[in-house]
N, C-alpha and C. Protein backbone atom coordinates (compact mmCIF):
# COMPACT_ATOMS: atom_id res chain seq x y z
N MET A 1 -202.70 104.26 90.37
CA MET A 1 -201.81 103.02 89.19
C MET A 1 -200.67 103.44 90.36
N LEU A 2 -200.28 101.82 90.08
CA LEU A 2 -198.96 101.69 90.49
C LEU A 2 -197.36 101.50 89.65
N LEU A 3 -196.95 102.38 90.56
CA LEU A 3 -195.52 102.57 89.73
C LEU A 3 -194.57 101.91 90.37
N ARG A 4 -193.22 101.19 89.69
CA ARG A 4 -192.21 101.01 90.35
C ARG A 4 -191.21 101.73 90.09
N VAL A 5 -190.34 102.05 91.06
CA VAL A 5 -189.16 103.05 90.81
C VAL A 5 -187.92 102.11 91.18
N LYS A 6 -186.99 102.56 90.16
CA LYS A 6 -185.34 102.35 90.25
C LYS A 6 -184.81 102.90 90.24
N ASN A 7 -184.01 103.25 91.52
CA ASN A 7 -183.11 103.55 91.54
C ASN A 7 -181.72 103.66 90.80
N ALA A 8 -180.68 104.51 91.31
CA ALA A 8 -179.88 104.33 90.62
C ALA A 8 -178.51 103.46 90.81
N ARG A 9 -179.04 102.81 92.48
CA ARG A 9 -178.16 101.57 92.59
C ARG A 9 -179.00 99.96 92.27
N GLY A 10 -180.20 100.23 91.92
CA GLY A 10 -180.66 99.00 91.05
C GLY A 10 -181.73 98.72 92.28
N VAL A 11 -182.10 99.41 93.19
CA VAL A 11 -183.12 98.98 93.76
C VAL A 11 -184.29 99.59 93.84
N GLU A 12 -185.46 98.73 93.64
CA GLU A 12 -186.95 98.94 93.37
C GLU A 12 -187.46 98.80 94.54
N LYS A 13 -188.66 99.61 94.37
CA LYS A 13 -189.78 99.91 95.49
C LYS A 13 -191.08 100.49 94.55
N ASN A 14 -192.27 99.71 95.04
CA ASN A 14 -193.39 100.38 94.13
C ASN A 14 -194.27 101.98 94.73
N TYR A 15 -194.95 102.39 94.64
CA TYR A 15 -195.59 103.61 95.17
C TYR A 15 -196.59 103.95 94.31
N HIS A 16 -197.60 104.47 94.70
CA HIS A 16 -198.87 104.90 94.18
C HIS A 16 -199.11 105.96 93.66
N VAL A 17 -199.27 106.09 92.35
CA VAL A 17 -199.37 107.58 91.60
C VAL A 17 -200.77 108.31 92.41
N LYS A 18 -200.26 109.59 93.16
CA LYS A 18 -201.42 110.38 94.06
C LYS A 18 -202.31 110.84 92.54
N TRP A 19 -201.17 111.75 91.82
CA TRP A 19 -201.76 112.48 90.71
C TRP A 19 -200.82 112.69 89.58
N ALA A 20 -201.04 112.93 88.48
CA ALA A 20 -199.46 113.12 87.46
C ALA A 20 -200.49 114.56 86.66
N GLN A 21 -199.44 114.97 85.94
CA GLN A 21 -199.99 116.39 85.04
C GLN A 21 -198.93 116.90 84.31
N PRO A 22 -199.43 116.92 83.03
CA PRO A 22 -198.18 117.50 82.09
C PRO A 22 -197.61 118.87 82.69
N HIS A 23 -196.13 119.03 82.29
CA HIS A 23 -195.41 119.84 82.93
C HIS A 23 -193.94 119.89 82.20
N SER A 24 -194.32 121.05 80.93
CA SER A 24 -193.07 121.59 80.37
C SER A 24 -192.68 120.64 79.33
N LYS A 25 -191.55 119.67 79.23
CA LYS A 25 -191.76 118.54 78.79
C LYS A 25 -191.22 117.42 79.18
N GLY A 26 -191.94 117.17 80.44
CA GLY A 26 -192.01 116.05 81.70
C GLY A 26 -193.38 116.11 82.13
N VAL A 27 -193.64 115.04 82.93
CA VAL A 27 -194.63 115.27 83.74
C VAL A 27 -194.20 115.35 85.29
N LEU A 28 -194.86 115.95 86.10
CA LEU A 28 -195.34 116.10 87.55
C LEU A 28 -196.28 115.00 88.05
N LEU A 29 -195.70 114.62 88.78
CA LEU A 29 -195.38 113.51 89.98
C LEU A 29 -196.22 113.59 91.06
N ALA A 30 -196.96 112.94 91.88
CA ALA A 30 -197.36 112.74 93.33
C ALA A 30 -197.18 111.52 93.56
N LEU A 31 -196.68 111.01 94.28
CA LEU A 31 -196.42 109.80 95.11
C LEU A 31 -196.47 109.61 96.14
N GLU A 32 -197.58 108.32 97.18
CA GLU A 32 -197.42 108.64 98.30
C GLU A 32 -196.49 107.95 98.46
N ASP A 33 -196.45 108.11 99.61
CA ASP A 33 -195.07 108.19 101.02
C ASP A 33 -193.94 108.85 100.27
N VAL A 34 -193.97 109.99 99.62
CA VAL A 34 -193.22 110.97 99.08
C VAL A 34 -193.69 111.87 99.69
N ASP A 35 -193.42 112.60 100.87
CA ASP A 35 -194.36 113.70 100.97
C ASP A 35 -192.80 114.90 101.68
N ASP A 36 -191.79 114.97 101.20
CA ASP A 36 -191.19 115.47 101.66
C ASP A 36 -189.98 115.91 100.35
N ARG A 37 -189.12 117.07 100.61
CA ARG A 37 -188.06 117.28 99.70
C ARG A 37 -187.11 116.42 99.55
N ASP A 38 -186.42 115.92 100.80
CA ASP A 38 -185.54 115.08 100.97
C ASP A 38 -185.70 113.53 100.04
N LEU A 39 -187.13 113.08 100.33
CA LEU A 39 -187.42 112.06 99.91
C LEU A 39 -187.60 112.11 98.26
N ALA A 40 -187.90 113.01 97.95
CA ALA A 40 -188.03 113.11 96.09
C ALA A 40 -187.10 113.53 95.60
N GLU A 41 -185.88 114.11 96.30
CA GLU A 41 -184.52 114.20 95.57
C GLU A 41 -183.65 112.60 95.44
N ALA A 42 -184.24 112.10 96.49
CA ALA A 42 -183.76 111.10 96.28
C ALA A 42 -183.83 109.96 95.61
N LEU A 43 -185.23 110.41 95.05
CA LEU A 43 -185.75 109.80 93.31
C LEU A 43 -185.09 110.17 92.31
N ILE A 44 -184.69 111.31 92.06
CA ILE A 44 -183.96 111.90 90.79
C ILE A 44 -182.85 110.54 90.30
N GLY A 45 -183.07 110.45 88.89
CA GLY A 45 -182.20 110.12 88.20
C GLY A 45 -182.93 108.32 87.95
N SER A 46 -183.81 108.15 88.89
CA SER A 46 -184.91 106.57 89.08
C SER A 46 -185.02 106.35 87.46
N ASP A 47 -185.30 104.84 87.42
CA ASP A 47 -186.06 104.67 85.93
C ASP A 47 -187.65 104.33 86.97
N LEU A 48 -188.60 104.85 85.79
CA LEU A 48 -190.02 104.61 86.48
C LEU A 48 -190.67 103.34 85.39
N LEU A 49 -191.14 102.28 86.04
CA LEU A 49 -191.46 101.50 85.62
C LEU A 49 -192.76 101.09 85.61
N ILE A 50 -193.68 100.67 84.71
CA ILE A 50 -195.04 100.25 84.73
C ILE A 50 -195.56 99.11 84.16
N ASP A 51 -196.27 98.25 85.08
CA ASP A 51 -196.74 97.02 84.44
C ASP A 51 -197.56 97.42 83.23
N LYS A 52 -196.70 96.76 82.03
CA LYS A 52 -197.70 96.53 80.50
C LYS A 52 -198.82 96.43 80.71
N LYS A 53 -199.72 95.47 81.33
CA LYS A 53 -200.99 95.02 81.34
C LYS A 53 -201.53 96.11 81.73
N THR A 54 -201.14 97.40 82.35
CA THR A 54 -202.38 98.30 83.23
C THR A 54 -201.90 99.78 81.98
N LEU A 55 -201.31 99.34 81.05
CA LEU A 55 -201.73 100.36 79.88
C LEU A 55 -203.04 100.32 79.09
N PRO A 56 -202.85 101.66 78.47
CA PRO A 56 -204.53 101.15 77.55
C PRO A 56 -204.31 100.39 76.15
N GLU A 57 -204.73 99.75 75.39
CA GLU A 57 -204.58 99.51 74.13
C GLU A 57 -205.02 100.52 73.47
N LEU A 58 -203.58 100.34 72.61
CA LEU A 58 -203.65 101.42 71.07
C LEU A 58 -204.35 101.63 69.74
N GLU A 59 -204.42 102.24 69.35
CA GLU A 59 -205.40 102.10 67.71
C GLU A 59 -204.44 101.73 67.20
N LYS A 60 -205.10 101.18 66.18
CA LYS A 60 -204.20 100.03 65.04
C LYS A 60 -203.22 101.05 64.68
N GLY A 61 -202.01 100.90 64.09
CA GLY A 61 -201.15 101.54 63.79
C GLY A 61 -200.57 102.37 64.60
N THR A 62 -200.51 102.29 65.78
CA THR A 62 -200.09 103.13 67.11
C THR A 62 -199.56 101.88 67.93
N TYR A 63 -197.99 102.70 68.18
CA TYR A 63 -197.21 101.36 68.97
C TYR A 63 -196.70 102.35 70.27
N TYR A 64 -196.66 101.63 71.57
CA TYR A 64 -195.71 101.93 72.13
C TYR A 64 -194.32 101.57 71.99
N TRP A 65 -193.26 102.92 72.61
CA TRP A 65 -191.88 102.33 72.34
C TRP A 65 -191.25 101.17 72.56
N SER A 66 -191.38 100.54 73.66
CA SER A 66 -191.05 99.16 73.86
C SER A 66 -191.28 98.16 73.18
N ASP A 67 -192.29 98.73 72.08
CA ASP A 67 -193.09 97.13 71.59
C ASP A 67 -192.04 98.12 70.16
N LEU A 68 -191.21 98.29 70.16
CA LEU A 68 -190.28 98.83 68.77
C LEU A 68 -189.25 98.62 68.63
N VAL A 69 -188.65 98.90 69.81
CA VAL A 69 -187.11 98.57 70.25
C VAL A 69 -186.78 97.18 70.30
N GLY A 70 -185.83 96.93 69.38
CA GLY A 70 -185.80 95.54 69.53
C GLY A 70 -186.03 94.91 67.80
N LEU A 71 -187.17 95.88 67.32
CA LEU A 71 -187.73 94.98 65.54
C LEU A 71 -186.43 94.63 65.12
N SER A 72 -186.47 94.04 64.17
CA SER A 72 -185.69 93.79 63.11
C SER A 72 -186.00 94.59 61.89
N VAL A 73 -185.43 95.37 61.16
CA VAL A 73 -185.62 96.32 60.09
C VAL A 73 -185.17 96.03 58.73
N PHE A 74 -185.86 95.74 57.93
CA PHE A 74 -185.82 95.56 56.32
C PHE A 74 -186.10 96.70 55.36
N SER A 75 -185.43 96.41 54.11
CA SER A 75 -186.08 97.51 53.16
C SER A 75 -187.33 96.87 52.45
N LYS A 76 -187.70 97.59 51.72
CA LYS A 76 -188.93 97.44 50.89
C LYS A 76 -188.31 96.11 49.86
N ASP A 77 -187.00 95.92 49.47
CA ASP A 77 -186.47 94.70 49.06
C ASP A 77 -185.88 93.46 49.65
N GLU A 78 -186.62 93.54 51.07
CA GLU A 78 -185.81 92.42 52.02
C GLU A 78 -184.50 92.34 52.31
N ASP A 79 -183.56 93.68 52.08
CA ASP A 79 -182.70 93.72 52.45
C ASP A 79 -182.71 93.75 54.10
N TYR A 80 -181.84 93.08 54.92
CA TYR A 80 -181.52 93.22 56.61
C TYR A 80 -180.81 94.52 56.92
N LEU A 81 -181.79 95.60 57.55
CA LEU A 81 -180.97 97.00 57.50
C LEU A 81 -180.16 97.24 59.33
N GLY A 82 -181.16 95.91 59.78
CA GLY A 82 -180.25 96.27 61.34
C GLY A 82 -181.45 95.93 62.55
N ARG A 83 -181.00 96.40 63.61
CA ARG A 83 -182.65 96.28 65.12
C ARG A 83 -182.61 97.89 65.08
N VAL A 84 -183.79 98.09 65.38
CA VAL A 84 -184.16 99.49 66.11
C VAL A 84 -183.35 99.15 67.45
N THR A 85 -182.79 100.19 67.91
CA THR A 85 -181.52 100.56 69.06
C THR A 85 -182.45 101.53 69.73
N ALA A 86 -183.12 102.28 69.47
CA ALA A 86 -183.40 103.41 70.18
C ALA A 86 -184.43 104.48 69.32
N ILE A 87 -185.06 105.15 70.04
CA ILE A 87 -186.25 105.68 69.18
C ILE A 87 -186.11 107.55 69.73
N MET A 88 -185.68 108.49 68.86
CA MET A 88 -186.04 110.34 69.48
C MET A 88 -187.11 110.78 68.70
N PRO A 89 -187.62 111.23 69.84
CA PRO A 89 -188.45 112.53 69.14
C PRO A 89 -188.20 113.67 68.63
N THR A 90 -188.79 114.08 67.90
CA THR A 90 -188.14 115.40 67.28
C THR A 90 -189.67 116.23 67.27
N GLY A 91 -189.57 117.01 67.12
CA GLY A 91 -190.74 118.13 66.58
C GLY A 91 -191.71 117.60 65.66
N GLY A 92 -191.30 116.66 64.61
CA GLY A 92 -192.44 116.91 63.85
C GLY A 92 -192.73 115.52 63.68
N ASN A 93 -192.05 114.40 64.31
CA ASN A 93 -191.90 113.08 63.92
C ASN A 93 -190.74 112.28 64.92
N ASP A 94 -191.30 111.12 65.42
CA ASP A 94 -190.51 110.26 65.90
C ASP A 94 -188.87 110.19 64.81
N VAL A 95 -187.78 109.65 65.48
CA VAL A 95 -187.06 108.81 64.40
C VAL A 95 -186.05 107.57 65.13
N TYR A 96 -186.26 106.59 63.98
CA TYR A 96 -185.93 105.38 64.80
C TYR A 96 -184.48 104.90 64.32
N VAL A 97 -183.97 104.94 65.59
CA VAL A 97 -182.32 104.34 65.50
C VAL A 97 -182.14 103.11 64.72
N VAL A 98 -181.37 102.73 63.91
CA VAL A 98 -181.40 101.66 63.22
C VAL A 98 -179.98 101.02 63.57
N ALA A 99 -179.59 99.86 64.07
CA ALA A 99 -177.83 99.47 64.08
C ALA A 99 -177.10 98.30 63.68
N LYS A 100 -176.48 98.00 63.30
CA LYS A 100 -176.40 96.37 62.92
C LYS A 100 -174.30 96.26 62.52
N VAL A 101 -174.10 95.47 62.95
CA VAL A 101 -172.77 95.39 62.55
C VAL A 101 -172.27 94.84 61.11
N VAL A 102 -171.40 95.80 60.86
CA VAL A 102 -170.85 95.61 59.25
C VAL A 102 -169.24 95.24 59.64
N GLN A 103 -168.40 94.11 59.35
CA GLN A 103 -167.13 93.87 59.28
C GLN A 103 -166.77 94.39 60.75
N GLY A 104 -167.48 94.01 61.76
CA GLY A 104 -167.04 93.89 63.14
C GLY A 104 -167.25 95.28 63.40
N ARG A 105 -167.97 96.33 62.74
CA ARG A 105 -167.87 97.73 63.25
C ARG A 105 -169.49 98.05 63.05
N GLN A 106 -170.03 98.70 64.47
CA GLN A 106 -171.62 99.17 64.75
C GLN A 106 -171.66 99.99 63.87
N LYS A 107 -173.00 99.93 62.20
CA LYS A 107 -172.96 100.97 61.98
C LYS A 107 -174.49 101.43 62.40
N GLU A 108 -175.03 102.74 62.43
CA GLU A 108 -176.10 103.38 62.61
C GLU A 108 -176.52 104.25 61.74
N PHE A 109 -178.07 104.43 61.32
CA PHE A 109 -178.41 105.59 60.48
C PHE A 109 -179.50 105.29 61.35
N LEU A 110 -180.64 106.64 60.58
CA LEU A 110 -181.71 107.42 61.40
C LEU A 110 -182.39 106.86 60.26
N ILE A 111 -184.04 106.54 60.99
CA ILE A 111 -185.19 106.73 59.66
C ILE A 111 -186.19 107.38 60.32
N PRO A 112 -186.74 108.27 59.99
CA PRO A 112 -187.97 108.83 60.25
C PRO A 112 -189.25 108.10 60.53
N ALA A 113 -190.00 108.55 61.43
CA ALA A 113 -190.81 107.66 61.55
C ALA A 113 -192.15 108.21 61.15
N LEU A 114 -192.18 107.81 59.65
CA LEU A 114 -193.33 108.60 58.61
C LEU A 114 -193.94 107.64 58.02
N GLU A 115 -195.35 107.61 57.99
CA GLU A 115 -196.14 106.67 57.26
C GLU A 115 -195.54 106.26 55.80
N SER A 116 -195.01 107.47 55.03
CA SER A 116 -194.58 107.16 53.85
C SER A 116 -193.35 106.70 53.68
N VAL A 117 -192.38 106.46 54.89
CA VAL A 117 -191.52 105.65 54.91
C VAL A 117 -191.41 104.15 55.59
N VAL A 118 -192.46 104.13 56.85
CA VAL A 118 -192.37 102.57 57.93
C VAL A 118 -193.79 102.35 57.10
N LEU A 119 -193.46 101.18 56.09
CA LEU A 119 -194.20 100.40 55.31
C LEU A 119 -195.07 99.20 56.07
N ASP A 120 -194.64 98.70 56.98
CA ASP A 120 -194.94 97.67 57.77
C ASP A 120 -194.52 97.35 59.40
N ILE A 121 -195.54 97.34 60.21
CA ILE A 121 -194.93 96.67 61.32
C ILE A 121 -195.71 95.61 61.59
N ASP A 122 -194.84 94.47 61.72
CA ASP A 122 -195.28 93.44 62.48
C ASP A 122 -194.91 92.90 64.13
N LEU A 123 -195.74 93.55 64.99
CA LEU A 123 -195.21 92.72 66.28
C LEU A 123 -194.94 91.32 66.42
N GLU A 124 -195.83 90.78 66.01
CA GLU A 124 -195.26 89.29 66.47
C GLU A 124 -194.48 88.66 65.65
N LYS A 125 -194.19 89.12 64.44
CA LYS A 125 -192.98 88.55 64.06
C LYS A 125 -191.52 89.25 64.32
N GLN A 126 -191.82 90.56 64.81
CA GLN A 126 -191.14 91.50 65.35
C GLN A 126 -190.28 92.07 64.60
N VAL A 127 -190.85 92.53 63.22
CA VAL A 127 -190.23 92.99 61.83
C VAL A 127 -190.42 94.30 61.66
N MET A 128 -189.87 95.25 60.98
CA MET A 128 -190.39 96.24 60.33
C MET A 128 -189.98 96.77 59.23
N HIS A 129 -190.65 96.78 58.02
CA HIS A 129 -190.30 96.99 56.64
C HIS A 129 -190.78 98.59 56.24
N VAL A 130 -189.27 99.09 55.65
CA VAL A 130 -189.37 100.64 55.46
C VAL A 130 -188.92 100.58 53.87
N ASP A 131 -189.33 101.45 53.68
CA ASP A 131 -188.97 102.28 52.16
C ASP A 131 -187.72 103.64 52.52
N LEU A 132 -186.83 103.11 52.07
CA LEU A 132 -185.88 104.29 52.75
C LEU A 132 -185.78 105.61 51.59
N PRO A 133 -186.20 106.62 52.52
CA PRO A 133 -185.93 107.80 51.50
C PRO A 133 -184.44 107.91 50.96
N GLU A 134 -184.65 108.66 49.66
CA GLU A 134 -183.20 108.61 48.97
C GLU A 134 -181.85 109.41 49.98
N GLY A 135 -180.53 109.08 49.69
CA GLY A 135 -179.97 109.09 50.33
C GLY A 135 -179.59 108.71 51.79
N LEU A 136 -180.04 107.89 51.84
CA LEU A 136 -179.94 106.71 53.75
C LEU A 136 -179.50 105.50 52.83
């Protein structure tokens, strides 16, 4: 697999992944041409990017985070709630951070990524419909 690494200065370089394995809350990677500690430490803080075309196709109703960030979010009554700006993993389920500007100020709120809350996701229309729990 080819991995593009973008360092803190914005410089990008392609590496081939020798192997990858889960470790704690992350992944251990071995990259070709990164064969000593100094080279590896130089990559700390870099963004790891892959070509989306190389990712496996997901089951219906399952999405890559990159597909969800930026979606417009509407209530079941078609009220515009904002856009998904980030996704936070939690122990039980992910949480969508939704933000919109109200009277010149950005307002954010959290929506649990649960089947009972997220009614529909339409990637073609870039829209998500939700049924907000009481109190949101």
